[in-house]
Amino acid sequence: QGQLYPQAAARMEAFRQIFPNDEIEFFVGLRNPASFFPAILPKTPY
């Protein structure tokens, strides 16, 4: 959909449902799309 990880927010909502009364902290490392896209391409069916 022209986005990076389009399901990120929905999947984080699932985590909050799994741990409804806990404090969730989110950690993520970003990567330059110039190398990110070529790195993930072989791992996809495209």
All heavy atoms as atom14 arrays in JSON, in Angstrom:
{
  "sequence": "QGQLYPQAAARMEAFRQIFPNDEIEFFVGLRNPASFFPAILPKTPY",
  "atom14_mask": [
    [1, 1, 1, 1, 1, 1, 1, 1, 1, 0, 0, 0, 0, 0],
    [1, 1, 1, 1, 0, 0, 0, 0, 0, 0, 0, 0, 0, 0],
    [1, 1, 1, 1, 1, 1, 1, 1, 1, 0, 0, 0, 0, 0],
    [1, 1, 1, 1, 1, 1, 1, 1, 0, 0, 0, 0, 0, 0],
    [1, 1, 1, 1, 1, 1, 1, 1, 1, 1, 1, 1, 0, 0],
    [1, 1, 1, 1, 1, 1, 1, 0, 0, 0, 0, 0, 0, 0],
    [1, 1, 1, 1, 1, 1, 1, 1, 1, 0, 0, 0, 0, 0],
    [1, 1, 1, 1, 1, 0, 0, 0, 0, 0, 0, 0, 0, 0],
    [1, 1, 1, 1, 1, 0, 0, 0, 0, 0, 0, 0, 0, 0],
    [1, 1, 1, 1, 1, 0, 0, 0, 0, 0, 0, 0, 0, 0],
    [1, 1, 1, 1, 1, 1, 1, 1, 1, 1, 1, 0, 0, 0],
    [1, 1, 1, 1, 1, 1, 1, 1, 0, 0, 0, 0, 0, 0],
    [1, 1, 1, 1, 1, 1, 1, 1, 1, 0, 0, 0, 0, 0],
    [1, 1, 1, 1, 1, 0, 0, 0, 0, 0, 0, 0, 0, 0],
    [1, 1, 1, 1, 1, 1, 1, 1, 1, 1, 1, 0, 0, 0],
    [1, 1, 1, 1, 1, 1, 1, 1, 1, 1, 1, 0, 0, 0],
    [1, 1, 1, 1, 1, 1, 1, 1, 1, 0, 0, 0, 0, 0],
    [1, 1, 1, 1, 1, 1, 1, 1, 0, 0, 0, 0, 0, 0],
    [1, 1, 1, 1, 1, 1, 1, 1, 1, 1, 1, 0, 0, 0],
    [1, 1, 1, 1, 1, 1, 1, 0, 0, 0, 0, 0, 0, 0],
    [1, 1, 1, 1, 1, 1, 1, 1, 0, 0, 0, 0, 0, 0],
    [1, 1, 1, 1, 1, 1, 1, 1, 0, 0, 0, 0, 0, 0],
    [1, 1, 1, 1, 1, 1, 1, 1, 1, 0, 0, 0, 0, 0],
    [1, 1, 1, 1, 1, 1, 1, 1, 0, 0, 0, 0, 0, 0],
    [1, 1, 1, 1, 1, 1, 1, 1, 1, 0, 0, 0, 0, 0],
    [1, 1, 1, 1, 1, 1, 1, 1, 1, 1, 1, 0, 0, 0],
    [1, 1, 1, 1, 1, 1, 1, 1, 1, 1, 1, 0, 0, 0],
    [1, 1, 1, 1, 1, 1, 1, 0, 0, 0, 0, 0, 0, 0],
    [1, 1, 1, 1, 0, 0, 0, 0, 0, 0, 0, 0, 0, 0],
    [1, 1, 1, 1, 1, 1, 1, 1, 0, 0, 0, 0, 0, 0],
    [1, 1, 1, 1, 1, 1, 1, 1, 1, 1, 1, 0, 0, 0],
    [1, 1, 1, 1, 1, 1, 1, 1, 0, 0, 0, 0, 0, 0],
    [1, 1, 1, 1, 1, 1, 1, 0, 0, 0, 0, 0, 0, 0],
    [1, 1, 1, 1, 1, 0, 0, 0, 0, 0, 0, 0, 0, 0],
    [1, 1, 1, 1, 1, 1, 0, 0, 0, 0, 0, 0, 0, 0],
    [1, 1, 1, 1, 1, 1, 1, 1, 1, 1, 1, 0, 0, 0],
    [1, 1, 1, 1, 1, 1, 1, 1, 1, 1, 1, 0, 0, 0],
    [1, 1, 1, 1, 1, 1, 1, 0, 0, 0, 0, 0, 0, 0],
    [1, 1, 1, 1, 1, 0, 0, 0, 0, 0, 0, 0, 0, 0],
    [1, 1, 1, 1, 1, 1, 1, 1, 0, 0, 0, 0, 0, 0],
    [1, 1, 1, 1, 1, 1, 1, 1, 0, 0, 0, 0, 0, 0],
    [1, 1, 1, 1, 1, 1, 1, 0, 0, 0, 0, 0, 0, 0],
    [1, 1, 1, 1, 1, 1, 1, 1, 1, 0, 0, 0, 0, 0],
    [1, 1, 1, 1, 1, 1, 1, 0, 0, 0, 0, 0, 0, 0],
    [1, 1, 1, 1, 1, 1, 1, 0, 0, 0, 0, 0, 0, 0],
    [1, 1, 1, 1, 1, 1, 1, 1, 1, 1, 1, 1, 0, 0]
  ],
  "atom14_positions": [
    [[0.82, -1.21, 0.0], [0.0, 0.0, 0.0], [0.86, 1.26, 0.0], [0.45, 2.3, 0.52], [-0.94, -0.01, 1.21], [-1.8, -1.25, 1.34], [-2.47, -1.35, 2.7], [-2.82, -0.34, 3.29], [-2.64, -2.57, 3.19], [0.0, 0.0, 0.0], [0.0, 0.0, 0.0], [0.0, 0.0, 0.0], [0.0, 0.0, 0.0], [0.0, 0.0, 0.0]],
    [[2.05, 1.14, -0.57], [2.95, 2.29, -0.59], [3.52, 2.63, 0.78], [4.01, 3.75, 0.99], [0.0, 0.0, 0.0], [0.0, 0.0, 0.0], [0.0, 0.0, 0.0], [0.0, 0.0, 0.0], [0.0, 0.0, 0.0], [0.0, 0.0, 0.0], [0.0, 0.0, 0.0], [0.0, 0.0, 0.0], [0.0, 0.0, 0.0], [0.0, 0.0, 0.0]],
    [[3.48, 1.67, 1.71], [3.92, 1.91, 3.08], [4.91, 0.84, 3.53], [4.96, -0.26, 2.98], [2.72, 1.89, 4.05], [1.66, 2.92, 3.76], [0.46, 2.76, 4.69], [0.19, 1.67, 5.2], [-0.26, 3.84, 4.92], [0.0, 0.0, 0.0], [0.0, 0.0, 0.0], [0.0, 0.0, 0.0], [0.0, 0.0, 0.0], [0.0, 0.0, 0.0]],
    [[5.67, 1.18, 4.55], [6.51, 0.22, 5.25], [5.71, -0.35, 6.42], [5.15, 0.39, 7.21], [7.79, 0.89, 5.76], [8.78, 1.33, 4.67], [9.76, 2.36, 5.23], [9.53, 0.13, 4.11], [0.0, 0.0, 0.0], [0.0, 0.0, 0.0], [0.0, 0.0, 0.0], [0.0, 0.0, 0.0], [0.0, 0.0, 0.0], [0.0, 0.0, 0.0]],
    [[5.63, -1.67, 6.49], [4.88, -2.37, 7.53], [3.47, -1.8, 7.73], [3.15, -1.23, 8.78], [5.67, -2.35, 8.84], [6.97, -3.12, 8.76], [8.19, -2.46, 8.57], [6.99, -4.5, 8.83], [9.39, -3.17, 8.46], [8.17, -5.22, 8.73], [9.37, -4.54, 8.54], [10.54, -5.25, 8.44], [0.0, 0.0, 0.0], [0.0, 0.0, 0.0]],
    [[2.63, -1.95, 6.72], [1.28, -1.39, 6.82], [0.45, -1.95, 7.96], [-0.51, -1.3, 8.4], [0.66, -1.74, 5.45], [1.49, -2.85, 4.9], [2.87, -2.62, 5.42], [0.0, 0.0, 0.0], [0.0, 0.0, 0.0], [0.0, 0.0, 0.0], [0.0, 0.0, 0.0], [0.0, 0.0, 0.0], [0.0, 0.0, 0.0], [0.0, 0.0, 0.0]],
    [[0.79, -3.15, 8.48], [0.01, -3.73, 9.57], [0.61, -3.46, 10.95], [0.15, -4.03, 11.95], [-0.11, -5.25, 9.36], [-0.94, -5.64, 8.15], [-1.29, -7.13, 8.15], [-1.34, -7.77, 9.19], [-1.52, -7.68, 6.97], [0.0, 0.0, 0.0], [0.0, 0.0, 0.0], [0.0, 0.0, 0.0], [0.0, 0.0, 0.0], [0.0, 0.0, 0.0]],
    [[1.6, -2.59, 11.01], [2.3, -2.37, 12.28], [1.36, -1.95, 13.41], [1.4, -2.51, 14.51], [3.4, -1.32, 12.09], [0.0, 0.0, 0.0], [0.0, 0.0, 0.0], [0.0, 0.0, 0.0], [0.0, 0.0, 0.0], [0.0, 0.0, 0.0], [0.0, 0.0, 0.0], [0.0, 0.0, 0.0], [0.0, 0.0, 0.0], [0.0, 0.0, 0.0]],
    [[0.53, -0.96, 13.17], [-0.35, -0.47, 14.24], [-1.36, -1.52, 14.67], [-1.64, -1.68, 15.86], [-1.06, 0.8, 13.77], [0.0, 0.0, 0.0], [0.0, 0.0, 0.0], [0.0, 0.0, 0.0], [0.0, 0.0, 0.0], [0.0, 0.0, 0.0], [0.0, 0.0, 0.0], [0.0, 0.0, 0.0], [0.0, 0.0, 0.0], [0.0, 0.0, 0.0]],
    [[-1.92, -2.26, 13.7], [-2.91, -3.28, 14.03], [-2.27, -4.42, 14.82], [-2.87, -4.96, 15.76], [-3.55, -3.82, 12.74], [0.0, 0.0, 0.0], [0.0, 0.0, 0.0], [0.0, 0.0, 0.0], [0.0, 0.0, 0.0], [0.0, 0.0, 0.0], [0.0, 0.0, 0.0], [0.0, 0.0, 0.0], [0.0, 0.0, 0.0], [0.0, 0.0, 0.0]],
    [[-1.06, -4.79, 14.44], [-0.39, -5.88, 15.17], [0.03, -5.42, 16.56], [0.02, -6.22, 17.5], [0.8, -6.38, 14.36], [0.36, -7.24, 13.19], [1.49, -7.93, 12.47], [0.94, -9.01, 11.67], [1.23, -10.29, 11.81], [2.07, -10.68, 12.74], [0.68, -11.2, 11.04], [0.0, 0.0, 0.0], [0.0, 0.0, 0.0], [0.0, 0.0, 0.0]],
    [[0.39, -4.16, 16.7], [0.71, -3.66, 18.04], [-0.55, -3.65, 18.9], [-0.48, -3.92, 20.11], [1.31, -2.26, 17.95], [1.78, -1.72, 19.29], [2.96, -2.82, 20.13], [4.4, -2.59, 19.08], [0.0, 0.0, 0.0], [0.0, 0.0, 0.0], [0.0, 0.0, 0.0], [0.0, 0.0, 0.0], [0.0, 0.0, 0.0], [0.0, 0.0, 0.0]],
    [[-1.69, -3.37, 18.3], [-2.95, -3.44, 19.05], [-3.19, -4.86, 19.56], [-3.68, -5.06, 20.67], [-4.11, -2.99, 18.16], [-5.49, -3.11, 18.82], [-5.6, -2.31, 20.11], [-4.94, -1.26, 20.24], [-6.37, -2.76, 21.0], [0.0, 0.0, 0.0], [0.0, 0.0, 0.0], [0.0, 0.0, 0.0], [0.0, 0.0, 0.0], [0.0, 0.0, 0.0]],
    [[-2.81, -5.85, 18.75], [-2.96, -7.25, 19.19], [-2.08, -7.52, 20.4], [-2.49, -8.2, 21.35], [-2.61, -8.2, 18.04], [0.0, 0.0, 0.0], [0.0, 0.0, 0.0], [0.0, 0.0, 0.0], [0.0, 0.0, 0.0], [0.0, 0.0, 0.0], [0.0, 0.0, 0.0], [0.0, 0.0, 0.0], [0.0, 0.0, 0.0], [0.0, 0.0, 0.0]],
    [[-0.86, -6.97, 20.39], [0.01, -7.13, 21.55], [-0.63, -6.5, 22.79], [-0.54, -7.04, 23.9], [1.38, -6.49, 21.3], [2.35, -7.38, 20.58], [2.72, -7.14, 19.27], [2.9, -8.48, 21.22], [3.61, -7.97, 18.61], [3.79, -9.32, 20.58], [4.15, -9.06, 19.27], [0.0, 0.0, 0.0], [0.0, 0.0, 0.0], [0.0, 0.0, 0.0]],
    [[-1.26, -5.37, 22.61], [-1.87, -4.69, 23.76], [-3.07, -5.48, 24.27], [-3.41, -5.4, 25.45], [-2.27, -3.27, 23.37], [-1.08, -2.44, 22.89], [-1.35, -0.96, 22.89], [-1.25, -0.43, 24.25], [-1.06, 0.86, 24.52], [-0.94, 1.73, 23.55], [-0.98, 1.29, 25.76], [0.0, 0.0, 0.0], [0.0, 0.0, 0.0], [0.0, 0.0, 0.0]],
    [[-3.69, -6.24, 23.4], [-4.78, -7.11, 23.86], [-4.25, -8.33, 24.59], [-4.87, -8.82, 25.52], [-5.63, -7.53, 22.66], [-6.42, -6.4, 22.02], [-7.21, -6.86, 20.81], [-7.58, -8.03, 20.71], [-7.48, -5.97, 19.89], [0.0, 0.0, 0.0], [0.0, 0.0, 0.0], [0.0, 0.0, 0.0], [0.0, 0.0, 0.0], [0.0, 0.0, 0.0]],
    [[-3.09, -8.82, 24.14], [-2.47, -9.96, 24.83], [-2.02, -9.55, 26.23], [-2.18, -10.31, 27.19], [-1.27, -10.49, 24.03], [-1.71, -11.02, 22.67], [-0.54, -11.59, 24.82], [-0.56, -11.35, 21.74], [0.0, 0.0, 0.0], [0.0, 0.0, 0.0], [0.0, 0.0, 0.0], [0.0, 0.0, 0.0], [0.0, 0.0, 0.0], [0.0, 0.0, 0.0]],
    [[-1.46, -8.33, 26.33], [-0.95, -7.82, 27.61], [-1.74, -6.57, 28.0], [-1.2, -5.45, 28.02], [0.53, -7.5, 27.49], [1.4, -8.66, 27.1], [1.83, -8.83, 25.78], [1.8, -9.6, 28.04], [2.63, -9.9, 25.41], [2.6, -10.68, 27.69], [3.01, -10.83, 26.37], [0.0, 0.0, 0.0], [0.0, 0.0, 0.0], [0.0, 0.0, 0.0]],
    [[-3.03, -6.72, 28.31], [-3.92, -5.57, 28.47], [-3.59, -4.64, 29.64], [-3.88, -3.44, 29.57], [-5.3, -6.2, 28.65], [-5.01, -7.56, 29.22], [-3.74, -7.99, 28.55], [0.0, 0.0, 0.0], [0.0, 0.0, 0.0], [0.0, 0.0, 0.0], [0.0, 0.0, 0.0], [0.0, 0.0, 0.0], [0.0, 0.0, 0.0], [0.0, 0.0, 0.0]],
    [[-3.01, -5.17, 30.68], [-2.74, -4.35, 31.86], [-1.25, -4.1, 32.08], [-0.85, -3.64, 33.15], [-3.35, -5.01, 33.1], [-4.86, -5.15, 32.99], [-5.56, -4.2, 32.62], [-5.38, -6.34, 33.28], [0.0, 0.0, 0.0], [0.0, 0.0, 0.0], [0.0, 0.0, 0.0], [0.0, 0.0, 0.0], [0.0, 0.0, 0.0], [0.0, 0.0, 0.0]],
    [[-0.46, -4.44, 31.08], [0.98, -4.24, 31.17], [1.4, -3.01, 30.37], [0.66, -2.54, 29.5], [1.71, -5.48, 30.63], [1.35, -6.74, 31.41], [1.58, -6.75, 32.63], [0.83, -7.69, 30.79], [0.0, 0.0, 0.0], [0.0, 0.0, 0.0], [0.0, 0.0, 0.0], [0.0, 0.0, 0.0], [0.0, 0.0, 0.0], [0.0, 0.0, 0.0]],
    [[2.58, -2.51, 30.65], [3.12, -1.36, 29.93], [4.01, -1.86, 28.79], [5.09, -2.4, 29.03], [3.94, -0.46, 30.86], [4.54, 0.75, 30.13], [5.45, 1.57, 31.03], [5.21, 1.59, 32.26], [6.4, 2.17, 30.5], [0.0, 0.0, 0.0], [0.0, 0.0, 0.0], [0.0, 0.0, 0.0], [0.0, 0.0, 0.0], [0.0, 0.0, 0.0]],
    [[3.56, -1.68, 27.58], [4.33, -2.14, 26.42], [5.27, -1.05, 25.94], [4.88, 0.11, 25.8], [3.39, -2.58, 25.28], [2.62, -3.83, 25.7], [4.18, -2.85, 23.99], [1.7, -4.38, 24.63], [0.0, 0.0, 0.0], [0.0, 0.0, 0.0], [0.0, 0.0, 0.0], [0.0, 0.0, 0.0], [0.0, 0.0, 0.0], [0.0, 0.0, 0.0]],
    [[6.52, -1.45, 25.7], [7.51, -0.55, 25.12], [7.93, -1.11, 23.76], [8.15, -2.31, 23.62], [8.74, -0.43, 26.03], [8.44, 0.17, 27.4], [9.71, 0.31, 28.23], [10.81, 0.34, 27.64], [9.59, 0.38, 29.46], [0.0, 0.0, 0.0], [0.0, 0.0, 0.0], [0.0, 0.0, 0.0], [0.0, 0.0, 0.0], [0.0, 0.0, 0.0]],
    [[8.05, -0.24, 22.78], [8.35, -0.65, 21.42], [9.78, -0.26, 21.05], [10.2, 0.88, 21.26], [7.36, 0.01, 20.46], [7.66, -0.21, 19.01], [7.7, -1.48, 18.47], [7.89, 0.87, 18.16], [7.96, -1.68, 17.12], [8.16, 0.68, 16.82], [8.19, -0.59, 16.29], [0.0, 0.0, 0.0], [0.0, 0.0, 0.0], [0.0, 0.0, 0.0]],
    [[10.53, -1.22, 20.49], [11.9, -0.98, 20.04], [12.02, -1.41, 18.59], [11.57, -2.51, 18.23], [12.91, -1.77, 20.89], [13.18, -1.2, 22.25], [12.21, -1.26, 23.25], [14.4, -0.61, 22.54], [12.47, -0.73, 24.51], [14.67, -0.09, 23.79], [13.7, -0.14, 24.78], [0.0, 0.0, 0.0], [0.0, 0.0, 0.0], [0.0, 0.0, 0.0]],
    [[12.66, -0.58, 17.75], [12.87, -0.97, 16.37], [14.09, -0.25, 15.79], [14.34, 0.91, 16.09], [11.62, -0.67, 15.5], [11.4, 0.83, 15.34], [11.72, -1.35, 14.14], [0.0, 0.0, 0.0], [0.0, 0.0, 0.0], [0.0, 0.0, 0.0], [0.0, 0.0, 0.0], [0.0, 0.0, 0.0], [0.0, 0.0, 0.0], [0.0, 0.0, 0.0]],
    [[14.86, -0.99, 15.0], [15.97, -0.41, 14.27], [15.56, -0.2, 12.82], [15.01, -1.11, 12.19], [0.0, 0.0, 0.0], [0.0, 0.0, 0.0], [0.0, 0.0, 0.0], [0.0, 0.0, 0.0], [0.0, 0.0, 0.0], [0.0, 0.0, 0.0], [0.0, 0.0, 0.0], [0.0, 0.0, 0.0], [0.0, 0.0, 0.0], [0.0, 0.0, 0.0]],
    [[15.81, 0.98, 12.27], [15.46, 1.3, 10.9], [16.63, 0.98, 9.97], [17.77, 0.83, 10.42], [15.09, 2.79, 10.78], [14.11, 3.33, 11.81], [13.83, 4.8, 11.53], [12.82, 2.53, 11.82], [0.0, 0.0, 0.0], [0.0, 0.0, 0.0], [0.0, 0.0, 0.0], [0.0, 0.0, 0.0], [0.0, 0.0, 0.0], [0.0, 0.0, 0.0]],
    [[16.35, 0.91, 8.68], [17.41, 0.66, 7.71], [17.14, 1.43, 6.43], [15.98, 1.58, 6.01], [17.5, -0.85, 7.41], [18.62, -1.21, 6.42], [18.84, -2.71, 6.35], [19.83, -3.04, 5.32], [20.31, -4.26, 5.09], [19.89, -5.28, 5.85], [21.19, -4.48, 4.13], [0.0, 0.0, 0.0], [0.0, 0.0, 0.0], [0.0, 0.0, 0.0]],
    [[18.19, 1.91, 5.83], [18.11, 2.65, 4.58], [17.38, 1.81, 3.53], [17.81, 0.7, 3.2], [19.52, 2.98, 4.1], [19.54, 3.85, 2.86], [18.53, 4.06, 2.21], [20.71, 4.36, 2.52], [0.0, 0.0, 0.0], [0.0, 0.0, 0.0], [0.0, 0.0, 0.0], [0.0, 0.0, 0.0], [0.0, 0.0, 0.0], [0.0, 0.0, 0.0]],
    [[16.27, 2.31, 2.96], [15.56, 1.55, 1.93], [16.44, 1.14, 0.75], [16.16, 0.14, 0.08], [14.45, 2.51, 1.48], [14.17, 3.32, 2.71], [15.53, 3.52, 3.35], [0.0, 0.0, 0.0], [0.0, 0.0, 0.0], [0.0, 0.0, 0.0], [0.0, 0.0, 0.0], [0.0, 0.0, 0.0], [0.0, 0.0, 0.0], [0.0, 0.0, 0.0]],
    [[17.51, 1.9, 0.5], [18.42, 1.56, -0.6], [19.04, 0.19, -0.41], [19.36, -0.5, -1.37], [19.52, 2.62, -0.72], [0.0, 0.0, 0.0], [0.0, 0.0, 0.0], [0.0, 0.0, 0.0], [0.0, 0.0, 0.0], [0.0, 0.0, 0.0], [0.0, 0.0, 0.0], [0.0, 0.0, 0.0], [0.0, 0.0, 0.0], [0.0, 0.0, 0.0]],
    [[19.23, -0.24, 0.84], [19.74, -1.58, 1.11], [18.68, -2.49, 1.71], [18.76, -3.71, 1.59], [20.95, -1.5, 2.07], [20.57, -1.02, 3.34], [0.0, 0.0, 0.0], [0.0, 0.0, 0.0], [0.0, 0.0, 0.0], [0.0, 0.0, 0.0], [0.0, 0.0, 0.0], [0.0, 0.0, 0.0], [0.0, 0.0, 0.0], [0.0, 0.0, 0.0]],
    [[17.65, -1.9, 2.33], [16.58, -2.68, 2.96], [15.78, -3.46, 1.92], [15.56, -4.67, 2.05], [15.67, -1.75, 3.76], [14.5, -2.42, 4.43], [14.7, -3.37, 5.41], [13.2, -2.09, 4.08], [13.63, -4.0, 6.04], [12.12, -2.7, 4.71], [12.33, -3.65, 5.68], [0.0, 0.0, 0.0], [0.0, 0.0, 0.0], [0.0, 0.0, 0.0]],
    [[15.35, -2.78, 0.89], [14.54, -3.44, -0.14], [15.3, -4.57, -0.83], [14.76, -5.68, -0.98], [14.03, -2.42, -1.16], [13.01, -1.46, -0.61], [12.89, -0.17, -1.12], [12.16, -1.83, 0.42], [11.96, 0.72, -0.62], [11.21, -0.95, 0.93], [11.11, 0.33, 0.41], [0.0, 0.0, 0.0], [0.0, 0.0, 0.0], [0.0, 0.0, 0.0]],
    [[16.55, -4.35, -1.28], [17.29, -5.46, -1.89], [17.52, -6.62, -0.93], [17.6, -7.78, -1.36], [18.62, -4.82, -2.31], [18.3, -3.38, -2.48], [17.29, -3.07, -1.42], [0.0, 0.0, 0.0], [0.0, 0.0, 0.0], [0.0, 0.0, 0.0], [0.0, 0.0, 0.0], [0.0, 0.0, 0.0], [0.0, 0.0, 0.0], [0.0, 0.0, 0.0]],
    [[17.64, -6.33, 0.38], [17.89, -7.39, 1.36], [16.67, -8.27, 1.57], [16.8, -9.49, 1.75], [18.34, -6.78, 2.68], [0.0, 0.0, 0.0], [0.0, 0.0, 0.0], [0.0, 0.0, 0.0], [0.0, 0.0, 0.0], [0.0, 0.0, 0.0], [0.0, 0.0, 0.0], [0.0, 0.0, 0.0], [0.0, 0.0, 0.0], [0.0, 0.0, 0.0]],
    [[15.47, -7.69, 1.56], [14.28, -8.49, 1.83], [13.71, -9.14, 0.57], [12.99, -10.14, 0.67], [13.17, -7.68, 2.53], [12.64, -6.57, 1.62], [13.65, -7.13, 3.86], [11.43, -5.84, 2.21], [0.0, 0.0, 0.0], [0.0, 0.0, 0.0], [0.0, 0.0, 0.0], [0.0, 0.0, 0.0], [0.0, 0.0, 0.0], [0.0, 0.0, 0.0]],
    [[14.04, -8.61, -0.61], [13.47, -9.14, -1.85], [13.65, -10.66, -2.0], [12.68, -11.37, -2.31], [14.06, -8.41, -3.05], [13.59, -8.91, -4.43], [12.08, -8.76, -4.57], [14.32, -8.16, -5.55], [0.0, 0.0, 0.0], [0.0, 0.0, 0.0], [0.0, 0.0, 0.0], [0.0, 0.0, 0.0], [0.0, 0.0, 0.0], [0.0, 0.0, 0.0]],
    [[14.86, -11.22, -1.76], [15.02, -12.68, -1.92], [14.21, -13.49, -0.92], [14.03, -14.71, -1.13], [16.53, -12.89, -1.7], [17.16, -11.55, -1.94], [16.15, -10.56, -1.47], [0.0, 0.0, 0.0], [0.0, 0.0, 0.0], [0.0, 0.0, 0.0], [0.0, 0.0, 0.0], [0.0, 0.0, 0.0], [0.0, 0.0, 0.0], [0.0, 0.0, 0.0]],
    [[13.75, -12.86, 0.14], [12.97, -13.56, 1.16], [11.47, -13.51, 0.86], [10.65, -13.98, 1.65], [13.22, -12.94, 2.54], [14.68, -12.82, 2.92], [15.32, -14.17, 3.17], [16.76, -14.01, 3.66], [17.39, -15.32, 3.91], [0.0, 0.0, 0.0], [0.0, 0.0, 0.0], [0.0, 0.0, 0.0], [0.0, 0.0, 0.0], [0.0, 0.0, 0.0]],
    [[11.1, -12.93, -0.28], [9.7, -12.8, -0.66], [9.44, -13.63, -1.92], [10.38, -14.06, -2.58], [9.34, -11.33, -0.95], [9.91, -10.95, -2.22], [9.86, -10.41, 0.14], [0.0, 0.0, 0.0], [0.0, 0.0, 0.0], [0.0, 0.0, 0.0], [0.0, 0.0, 0.0], [0.0, 0.0, 0.0], [0.0, 0.0, 0.0], [0.0, 0.0, 0.0]],
    [[8.17, -13.81, -2.29], [7.87, -14.56, -3.51], [7.94, -13.7, -4.77], [7.7, -14.21, -5.88], [6.43, -15.05, -3.27], [5.84, -14.02, -2.38], [6.96, -13.55, -1.49], [0.0, 0.0, 0.0], [0.0, 0.0, 0.0], [0.0, 0.0, 0.0], [0.0, 0.0, 0.0], [0.0, 0.0, 0.0], [0.0, 0.0, 0.0], [0.0, 0.0, 0.0]],
    [[8.27, -12.42, -4.6], [8.27, -11.52, -5.76], [9.47, -11.77, -6.67], [10.56, -12.13, -6.21], [8.26, -10.07, -5.29], [7.04, -9.73, -4.47], [7.15, -9.44, -3.1], [5.77, -9.7, -5.04], [6.03, -9.15, -2.34], [4.64, -9.41, -4.29], [4.78, -9.13, -2.94], [3.68, -8.84, -2.19], [0.0, 0.0, 0.0], [0.0, 0.0, 0.0]]
  ]
}
